[in-house]
Structures are given as structure tokens and as C-alpha cells.
N, C-alpha and C. Protein backbone atom coordinates (compact mmCIF):
# COMPACT_ATOMS: atom_id res chain seq x y z
N MET A 1 8.59 4.84 4.43
CA MET A 1 9.30 6.01 4.90
C MET A 1 10.20 5.57 6.03
N LEU A 2 11.46 5.85 5.94
CA LEU A 2 12.39 5.59 7.01
C LEU A 2 12.70 6.90 7.70
N THR A 3 12.71 6.87 9.01
CA THR A 3 12.98 8.09 9.76
C THR A 3 14.25 7.90 10.58
N THR A 4 15.16 8.80 10.41
CA THR A 4 16.36 8.83 11.24
C THR A 4 16.41 10.21 11.87
N GLU A 5 17.40 10.46 12.67
CA GLU A 5 17.50 11.73 13.35
C GLU A 5 17.38 12.90 12.38
N ASN A 6 16.31 13.67 12.50
CA ASN A 6 16.06 14.86 11.68
C ASN A 6 16.05 14.58 10.18
N LYS A 7 15.82 13.35 9.79
CA LYS A 7 15.80 13.02 8.37
C LYS A 7 14.65 12.06 8.09
N ILE A 8 13.88 12.33 7.07
CA ILE A 8 12.80 11.45 6.66
C ILE A 8 13.10 10.97 5.25
N GLU A 9 13.00 9.69 5.04
CA GLU A 9 13.29 9.10 3.74
C GLU A 9 12.09 8.27 3.30
N PHE A 10 11.65 8.46 2.09
CA PHE A 10 10.56 7.68 1.53
C PHE A 10 11.16 6.55 0.70
N VAL A 11 10.64 5.36 0.90
CA VAL A 11 11.13 4.19 0.19
C VAL A 11 10.00 3.68 -0.70
N THR A 12 10.28 3.51 -1.98
CA THR A 12 9.26 3.01 -2.91
C THR A 12 9.82 1.87 -3.74
N PRO A 13 9.98 0.71 -3.11
CA PRO A 13 10.49 -0.43 -3.87
C PRO A 13 9.41 -1.01 -4.77
N ILE A 14 9.83 -1.66 -5.83
CA ILE A 14 8.92 -2.38 -6.71
C ILE A 14 9.11 -3.86 -6.42
N ILE A 15 8.05 -4.49 -5.98
CA ILE A 15 8.09 -5.89 -5.56
C ILE A 15 7.49 -6.75 -6.66
N SER A 16 8.19 -7.81 -7.04
CA SER A 16 7.73 -8.68 -8.12
C SER A 16 7.39 -10.09 -7.66
N THR A 17 7.89 -10.50 -6.50
CA THR A 17 7.67 -11.88 -6.05
C THR A 17 7.13 -11.89 -4.62
N GLU A 18 6.54 -13.01 -4.24
CA GLU A 18 6.06 -13.17 -2.87
C GLU A 18 7.21 -13.08 -1.88
N GLU A 19 8.38 -13.63 -2.24
CA GLU A 19 9.53 -13.59 -1.36
C GLU A 19 9.98 -12.15 -1.09
N GLU A 20 9.98 -11.32 -2.14
CA GLU A 20 10.35 -9.91 -1.97
C GLU A 20 9.34 -9.19 -1.08
N LEU A 21 8.06 -9.48 -1.27
CA LEU A 21 7.03 -8.85 -0.44
C LEU A 21 7.18 -9.27 1.02
N LYS A 22 7.39 -10.55 1.26
CA LYS A 22 7.57 -11.03 2.63
C LYS A 22 8.78 -10.37 3.28
N ALA A 23 9.88 -10.27 2.55
CA ALA A 23 11.09 -9.63 3.09
C ALA A 23 10.82 -8.17 3.43
N LEU A 24 10.09 -7.47 2.57
CA LEU A 24 9.77 -6.07 2.83
C LEU A 24 8.89 -5.94 4.07
N LEU A 25 7.87 -6.80 4.19
CA LEU A 25 6.97 -6.73 5.33
C LEU A 25 7.67 -7.11 6.62
N ASP A 26 8.63 -8.02 6.54
CA ASP A 26 9.42 -8.38 7.72
C ASP A 26 10.31 -7.22 8.15
N TYR A 27 10.77 -6.45 7.17
CA TYR A 27 11.64 -5.31 7.44
C TYR A 27 10.87 -4.14 8.07
N PHE A 28 9.71 -3.83 7.49
CA PHE A 28 8.88 -2.73 7.98
C PHE A 28 7.90 -3.25 9.00
N LYS A 29 8.06 -2.87 10.23
CA LYS A 29 7.10 -3.22 11.27
C LYS A 29 6.22 -2.00 11.51
N SER A 30 5.30 -1.76 10.60
CA SER A 30 4.49 -0.56 10.67
C SER A 30 3.35 -0.71 11.66
N LYS A 31 2.91 0.42 12.20
CA LYS A 31 1.76 0.44 13.10
C LYS A 31 0.47 0.29 12.33
N SER A 32 0.45 0.79 11.11
CA SER A 32 -0.75 0.68 10.28
C SER A 32 -0.34 0.41 8.84
N THR A 33 -1.11 -0.46 8.19
CA THR A 33 -0.83 -0.85 6.81
C THR A 33 -2.08 -0.60 5.98
N PHE A 34 -1.88 -0.01 4.82
CA PHE A 34 -2.97 0.28 3.89
C PHE A 34 -2.63 -0.36 2.54
N ILE A 35 -3.63 -0.91 1.89
CA ILE A 35 -3.46 -1.46 0.54
C ILE A 35 -4.36 -0.68 -0.40
N LEU A 36 -3.76 -0.08 -1.42
CA LEU A 36 -4.49 0.64 -2.45
C LEU A 36 -4.65 -0.28 -3.64
N ALA A 37 -5.90 -0.54 -4.04
CA ALA A 37 -6.17 -1.45 -5.15
C ALA A 37 -7.42 -0.98 -5.88
N ASP A 38 -7.54 -1.40 -7.14
CA ASP A 38 -8.78 -1.12 -7.86
C ASP A 38 -9.66 -2.36 -7.81
N GLU A 39 -10.84 -2.28 -8.43
CA GLU A 39 -11.78 -3.41 -8.32
C GLU A 39 -11.26 -4.69 -8.97
N ASN A 40 -10.25 -4.58 -9.82
CA ASN A 40 -9.64 -5.77 -10.41
C ASN A 40 -8.54 -6.34 -9.52
N THR A 41 -7.65 -5.48 -9.04
CA THR A 41 -6.52 -5.97 -8.25
C THR A 41 -6.89 -6.30 -6.81
N VAL A 42 -8.02 -5.82 -6.33
CA VAL A 42 -8.43 -6.14 -4.96
C VAL A 42 -8.60 -7.66 -4.79
N LYS A 43 -8.88 -8.34 -5.88
CA LYS A 43 -9.03 -9.80 -5.84
C LYS A 43 -7.70 -10.49 -5.53
N LEU A 44 -6.58 -9.82 -5.78
CA LEU A 44 -5.27 -10.40 -5.52
C LEU A 44 -4.91 -10.41 -4.04
N ILE A 45 -5.62 -9.65 -3.23
CA ILE A 45 -5.30 -9.58 -1.81
C ILE A 45 -5.44 -10.95 -1.16
N SER A 46 -6.47 -11.69 -1.54
CA SER A 46 -6.65 -13.02 -0.95
C SER A 46 -5.51 -13.96 -1.34
N VAL A 47 -4.89 -13.72 -2.49
CA VAL A 47 -3.77 -14.54 -2.94
C VAL A 47 -2.53 -14.30 -2.07
N ILE A 48 -2.31 -13.05 -1.66
CA ILE A 48 -1.11 -12.72 -0.89
C ILE A 48 -1.36 -12.62 0.61
N ALA A 49 -2.59 -12.85 1.04
CA ALA A 49 -2.95 -12.65 2.46
C ALA A 49 -2.15 -13.52 3.41
N ASP A 50 -1.76 -14.71 3.01
CA ASP A 50 -1.03 -15.61 3.89
C ASP A 50 0.45 -15.26 4.05
N ILE A 51 0.92 -14.30 3.30
CA ILE A 51 2.33 -13.93 3.37
C ILE A 51 2.66 -13.30 4.72
N SER A 52 1.74 -12.50 5.24
CA SER A 52 2.02 -11.79 6.49
C SER A 52 0.71 -11.36 7.15
N PRO A 53 0.69 -11.32 8.47
CA PRO A 53 -0.48 -10.79 9.16
C PRO A 53 -0.73 -9.32 8.80
N MET A 54 0.31 -8.61 8.39
CA MET A 54 0.14 -7.21 8.00
C MET A 54 -0.80 -7.09 6.80
N ILE A 55 -0.79 -8.07 5.92
CA ILE A 55 -1.69 -8.06 4.76
C ILE A 55 -3.12 -8.34 5.22
N LYS A 56 -3.28 -9.34 6.07
CA LYS A 56 -4.62 -9.71 6.56
C LYS A 56 -5.26 -8.57 7.34
N ASP A 57 -4.44 -7.82 8.09
CA ASP A 57 -4.96 -6.75 8.94
C ASP A 57 -4.98 -5.38 8.27
N ALA A 58 -4.57 -5.32 7.01
CA ALA A 58 -4.46 -4.02 6.33
C ALA A 58 -5.82 -3.41 6.05
N GLU A 59 -5.83 -2.10 6.07
CA GLU A 59 -7.01 -1.32 5.66
C GLU A 59 -6.97 -1.25 4.14
N ILE A 60 -8.05 -1.67 3.48
CA ILE A 60 -8.09 -1.70 2.01
C ILE A 60 -8.77 -0.44 1.49
N ILE A 61 -8.09 0.23 0.59
CA ILE A 61 -8.66 1.40 -0.09
C ILE A 61 -8.89 0.98 -1.54
N GLU A 62 -10.15 0.84 -1.90
CA GLU A 62 -10.49 0.37 -3.25
C GLU A 62 -10.99 1.53 -4.10
N ILE A 63 -10.40 1.65 -5.28
CA ILE A 63 -10.80 2.68 -6.23
C ILE A 63 -11.26 2.01 -7.53
N LYS A 64 -11.89 2.77 -8.39
CA LYS A 64 -12.30 2.25 -9.69
C LYS A 64 -11.07 2.15 -10.59
N SER A 65 -11.08 1.18 -11.49
CA SER A 65 -9.95 0.99 -12.40
C SER A 65 -10.06 1.95 -13.58
N GLY A 66 -8.97 2.05 -14.32
CA GLY A 66 -8.96 2.86 -15.53
C GLY A 66 -8.25 4.18 -15.35
N GLU A 67 -7.70 4.65 -16.44
CA GLU A 67 -6.94 5.91 -16.44
C GLU A 67 -7.80 7.11 -16.05
N LYS A 68 -9.09 7.08 -16.40
CA LYS A 68 -9.94 8.23 -16.07
C LYS A 68 -10.11 8.40 -14.56
N ASN A 69 -9.82 7.35 -13.80
CA ASN A 69 -9.95 7.43 -12.35
C ASN A 69 -8.64 7.77 -11.66
N LYS A 70 -7.61 8.06 -12.44
CA LYS A 70 -6.35 8.53 -11.89
C LYS A 70 -6.32 10.05 -12.05
N ASN A 71 -6.96 10.72 -11.10
CA ASN A 71 -7.07 12.17 -11.20
C ASN A 71 -6.94 12.79 -9.81
N LEU A 72 -6.92 14.10 -9.74
CA LEU A 72 -6.71 14.80 -8.48
C LEU A 72 -7.83 14.56 -7.48
N GLU A 73 -9.06 14.42 -7.95
CA GLU A 73 -10.17 14.18 -7.03
C GLU A 73 -10.00 12.83 -6.31
N VAL A 74 -9.65 11.80 -7.06
CA VAL A 74 -9.42 10.48 -6.47
C VAL A 74 -8.23 10.54 -5.52
N CYS A 75 -7.18 11.23 -5.94
CA CYS A 75 -5.99 11.39 -5.10
C CYS A 75 -6.36 12.08 -3.78
N HIS A 76 -7.15 13.12 -3.87
CA HIS A 76 -7.61 13.84 -2.68
C HIS A 76 -8.41 12.91 -1.76
N ASN A 77 -9.30 12.11 -2.35
CA ASN A 77 -10.11 11.19 -1.55
C ASN A 77 -9.25 10.14 -0.85
N ILE A 78 -8.24 9.64 -1.54
CA ILE A 78 -7.31 8.67 -0.93
C ILE A 78 -6.57 9.34 0.22
N TRP A 79 -6.05 10.53 -0.02
CA TRP A 79 -5.31 11.27 1.00
C TRP A 79 -6.20 11.53 2.22
N GLN A 80 -7.44 11.91 1.99
CA GLN A 80 -8.38 12.16 3.07
C GLN A 80 -8.64 10.89 3.87
N HIS A 81 -8.82 9.78 3.18
CA HIS A 81 -9.04 8.50 3.85
C HIS A 81 -7.83 8.13 4.72
N LEU A 82 -6.64 8.31 4.18
CA LEU A 82 -5.43 8.01 4.95
C LEU A 82 -5.33 8.91 6.18
N SER A 83 -5.63 10.18 6.00
CA SER A 83 -5.57 11.12 7.11
C SER A 83 -6.59 10.80 8.20
N ASN A 84 -7.75 10.31 7.80
CA ASN A 84 -8.80 10.00 8.76
C ASN A 84 -8.64 8.63 9.42
N ASN A 85 -7.68 7.83 8.94
CA ASN A 85 -7.55 6.45 9.42
C ASN A 85 -6.14 6.13 9.89
N GLN A 86 -5.61 6.97 10.75
CA GLN A 86 -4.36 6.70 11.45
C GLN A 86 -3.12 6.64 10.58
N CYS A 87 -3.14 7.22 9.41
CA CYS A 87 -1.92 7.25 8.60
C CYS A 87 -1.08 8.48 8.95
N LYS A 88 -1.48 9.18 10.00
CA LYS A 88 -0.72 10.34 10.43
C LYS A 88 0.58 9.95 11.10
N SER A 89 0.65 8.70 11.49
CA SER A 89 1.83 8.17 12.16
C SER A 89 3.03 8.18 11.21
N LYS A 90 4.21 8.31 11.75
CA LYS A 90 5.42 8.21 10.94
C LYS A 90 5.73 6.75 10.62
N ASN A 91 4.92 5.86 11.15
CA ASN A 91 5.18 4.44 10.99
C ASN A 91 4.02 3.76 10.28
N ALA A 92 3.79 4.13 9.03
CA ALA A 92 2.71 3.55 8.23
C ALA A 92 3.28 3.02 6.93
N LEU A 93 2.66 1.95 6.44
CA LEU A 93 3.08 1.34 5.19
C LEU A 93 1.89 1.37 4.24
N ILE A 94 2.11 1.88 3.03
CA ILE A 94 1.07 1.92 2.00
C ILE A 94 1.54 1.05 0.84
N ILE A 95 0.72 0.06 0.49
CA ILE A 95 1.05 -0.85 -0.60
C ILE A 95 0.10 -0.54 -1.75
N ASN A 96 0.67 -0.19 -2.90
CA ASN A 96 -0.12 0.03 -4.10
C ASN A 96 -0.11 -1.28 -4.88
N LEU A 97 -1.22 -1.99 -4.84
CA LEU A 97 -1.30 -3.29 -5.48
C LEU A 97 -1.75 -3.11 -6.92
N ARG A 98 -0.96 -3.64 -7.83
CA ARG A 98 -1.32 -3.54 -9.25
C ARG A 98 -0.86 -4.77 -9.98
N ARG A 99 -1.48 -5.01 -11.09
CA ARG A 99 -1.07 -6.14 -11.93
C ARG A 99 0.16 -5.75 -12.70
N ARG A 100 0.96 -6.74 -12.99
CA ARG A 100 2.14 -6.50 -13.82
C ARG A 100 1.68 -6.16 -15.22
N SER A 101 2.26 -5.14 -15.79
CA SER A 101 1.92 -4.81 -17.18
C SER A 101 3.16 -5.04 -18.03
N TYR A 102 2.93 -5.53 -19.19
CA TYR A 102 4.02 -5.83 -20.14
C TYR A 102 3.91 -4.86 -21.29
N TYR A 103 5.00 -4.23 -21.64
CA TYR A 103 5.00 -3.28 -22.76
C TYR A 103 5.79 -3.83 -23.89
């Protein structure tokens, strides 16, 4: 989310490479960083941890994998967790970590 005078903008880039992720993290100097991952993709955090201290220091929100776990109850729980853990700031970064899917 970028904030300018009386304007709030949400930014949702899709990152495909380590270089793109590093550039994004260098650009966003957030006060708090959260990584949303499922039990499969959480293993990827150790792979990207050396890219930035923001990754190492991020709060990890782990959910169960699968389409059945993409529902309003899970969404509510994620939102509640973010609200209870300093994501109220206008300066927070949320990374949704997922595996690349090929169609």
C-alpha cells in the first residue's frame, strides 16, 4: 500500500524471481512484514530468507493447503491475526507465498 496525501494505493505485484523480490523489499521499508503460506509453501521461506532481513524477521501466518481452506472463515482468521499483530499500521507488507502453477 502506498500512501500519499489523502490517497491510499494498494500495490499487488507478482514476483517471479529472487531479484524482483529483493528489489521490492528494498523499495518497501515496512514497519512490519507478514508472510502468508500454507504447510507446503512455508518450506520455501528458508530458501528466500537470505534475500532480506525483512524475510528473516517476518511474522509467518501458516494455513492449511487446498481449495477447501480458501474460505471466509480462514480469511477472517487471517484478518484477525493481522489486526492483533501490528498490521494496523499504514506501513505493513504482506507477502502471499505460493508455488508457481502452470496451466
